Protein backbone atom coordinates (compact mmCIF):
# COMPACT_ATOMS: atom_id res chain seq x y z
CA MET A 1 0.00 0.00 0.00
CA THR A 2 1.36 3.41 -0.93
CA SER A 3 1.63 6.38 1.40
CA LEU A 4 -0.88 8.23 -0.80
CA LYS A 5 -3.43 5.42 -0.39
CA ILE A 6 -2.89 5.50 3.39
CA TRP A 7 -3.32 9.29 3.40
CA ASN A 8 -6.52 9.08 1.36
CA ASP A 9 -7.89 6.44 3.74
CA ILE A 10 -7.07 8.69 6.69
CA LEU A 11 -8.82 11.65 5.06
CA ARG A 12 -11.87 9.52 4.31
CA ASP A 13 -12.17 8.58 7.99
CA ASN A 14 -10.88 11.84 9.45
CA PRO A 15 -11.10 14.86 7.09
CA ASN A 16 -9.06 17.10 9.42
CA PRO A 17 -6.20 15.05 10.87
CA ARG A 18 -3.77 16.64 13.35
CA PHE A 19 -0.80 15.45 11.29
CA SER A 20 0.38 16.05 7.75
CA ARG A 21 0.61 13.96 4.62
CA ARG A 22 4.37 14.45 4.84
CA SER A 23 4.48 12.83 8.30
CA VAL A 24 2.49 9.85 6.98
CA HIS A 25 4.89 9.49 4.05
CA SER A 26 7.90 9.76 6.35
CA LEU A 27 6.63 7.01 8.64
CA TRP A 28 5.61 4.83 5.66
CA SER A 29 9.05 5.27 4.10
CA LYS A 30 10.84 4.36 7.32
CA LEU A 31 8.73 1.23 7.76
CA ASN A 32 9.35 0.17 4.15
CA GLU A 33 13.14 0.46 4.42
CA VAL A 34 13.11 -3.17 5.52
CA ASP A 35 12.15 -4.11 1.95
CA TRP A 36 15.06 -2.38 0.25
CA LYS A 37 17.71 -1.04 2.62
CA ARG A 38 20.59 -3.47 3.07
CA ALA A 39 23.24 -1.11 4.50
CA GLU A 40 23.56 2.47 5.71
CA ASP A 41 25.77 3.42 2.76
CA PRO A 42 23.51 3.82 -0.29
CA LEU A 43 26.03 2.38 -2.78
CA THR A 44 26.67 -0.65 -0.59
CA SER A 45 22.93 -1.12 -0.15
CA ALA A 46 22.31 -0.85 -3.91
CA SER A 47 25.15 -3.28 -4.66
CA LEU A 48 23.69 -5.82 -2.26
CA LEU A 49 20.21 -5.44 -3.80
CA ILE A 50 21.60 -5.90 -7.30
CA LYS A 51 23.51 -8.99 -6.18
CA GLU A 52 20.30 -10.43 -4.67
CA ALA A 53 18.48 -9.73 -7.94
CA GLU A 54 21.29 -11.32 -9.98
CA ASP A 55 20.99 -14.42 -7.80
CA GLY A 56 17.23 -14.57 -8.46
CA LYS A 57 16.33 -13.74 -4.86
CA LEU A 58 14.61 -10.45 -5.63
CA GLY A 59 11.88 -9.81 -8.17
CA ASN A 60 11.09 -11.59 -11.40
CA GLU A 61 13.31 -9.75 -13.87
CA LYS A 62 16.79 -10.88 -14.87
CA VAL A 63 19.41 -8.42 -13.62
CA GLN A 64 23.05 -8.13 -14.66
CA MET A 65 25.69 -6.06 -12.88
CA ILE A 66 27.82 -4.02 -15.30
CA ASN A 67 31.49 -3.81 -14.33
CA LEU A 68 32.83 -0.29 -14.73
CA PRO A 69 36.45 0.87 -14.80
CA THR A 70 37.74 2.55 -11.67
CA GLU A 71 38.21 6.30 -11.97
CA GLU A 72 39.81 8.33 -9.20
CA GLY A 73 37.29 10.66 -7.62
CA PHE A 74 34.23 8.83 -8.98
CA THR A 75 32.14 6.02 -7.63
CA ALA A 76 29.62 4.40 -9.93
CA LEU A 77 27.27 1.45 -9.99
CA ALA A 78 25.65 0.11 -13.14
CA TRP A 79 23.28 -2.70 -13.96
CA SER A 80 21.15 -3.92 -16.82
CA LEU A 81 17.69 -5.42 -17.11
CA PRO A 82 18.33 -7.47 -20.28
CA ASN A 83 14.82 -8.88 -20.73
CA ILE A 84 13.26 -5.44 -20.41
CA ILE A 85 15.81 -4.02 -22.86
CA ALA A 86 15.05 -6.88 -25.27
CA ARG A 87 11.31 -6.12 -25.07
CA TRP A 88 11.35 -2.33 -24.91
CA GLY A 89 14.85 -1.25 -25.94
CA GLY A 90 13.78 0.03 -29.34
CA ARG A 91 11.30 2.40 -27.71
CA ILE A 92 13.32 3.62 -24.74
CA ARG A 93 15.63 6.58 -25.29
CA GLU A 94 16.24 7.73 -21.75
CA VAL A 95 14.84 6.76 -18.38
CA VAL A 96 15.62 9.05 -15.48
CA LEU A 97 15.49 7.48 -12.03
CA GLU A 98 16.22 10.77 -10.31
CA SER A 99 16.93 14.14 -11.78
CA ALA A 100 20.40 14.27 -13.27
CA CYS A 101 20.32 18.02 -12.73
CA LYS A 102 20.22 17.85 -8.95
CA ARG A 103 21.50 15.39 -6.42
CA SER A 104 19.40 13.02 -4.39
CA LEU A 105 19.31 13.36 -0.60
CA SER A 106 22.31 11.03 -0.44
CA GLY A 107 24.29 13.26 -2.80
CA LEU A 108 24.16 10.80 -5.70
CA TYR A 109 23.23 11.29 -9.33
CA MET A 110 21.18 8.49 -10.88
CA LEU A 111 20.46 8.14 -14.57
CA VAL A 112 19.76 5.30 -16.97
CA ILE A 113 20.37 5.70 -20.68
CA ASN A 114 19.56 3.21 -23.41
CA ASN A 115 21.08 4.12 -26.78
């Protein structure tokens, strides 16, 4: 259930709650960390999730880690969803996970490009 669904249910039962939608989302997000957070460091956590997906322990889609060269001053993580690319690759030009123009709360840029 999404935080928006929870908020709408709250408003249906109590049109003037003493708390905000933002507080509901914050609590929902914290409770859902169990589903995706594997470590405090976001790159470590993402690496562990990708490894689980590669091993078939997470989700239904095939996932492949992409090995990147090491560059001083940069840290990067890349992966592919080969079955999705096979199905939709000809139609996808760019998929943005988070804005490449501003950093996420963790200070990371995230962008997926399919040529």
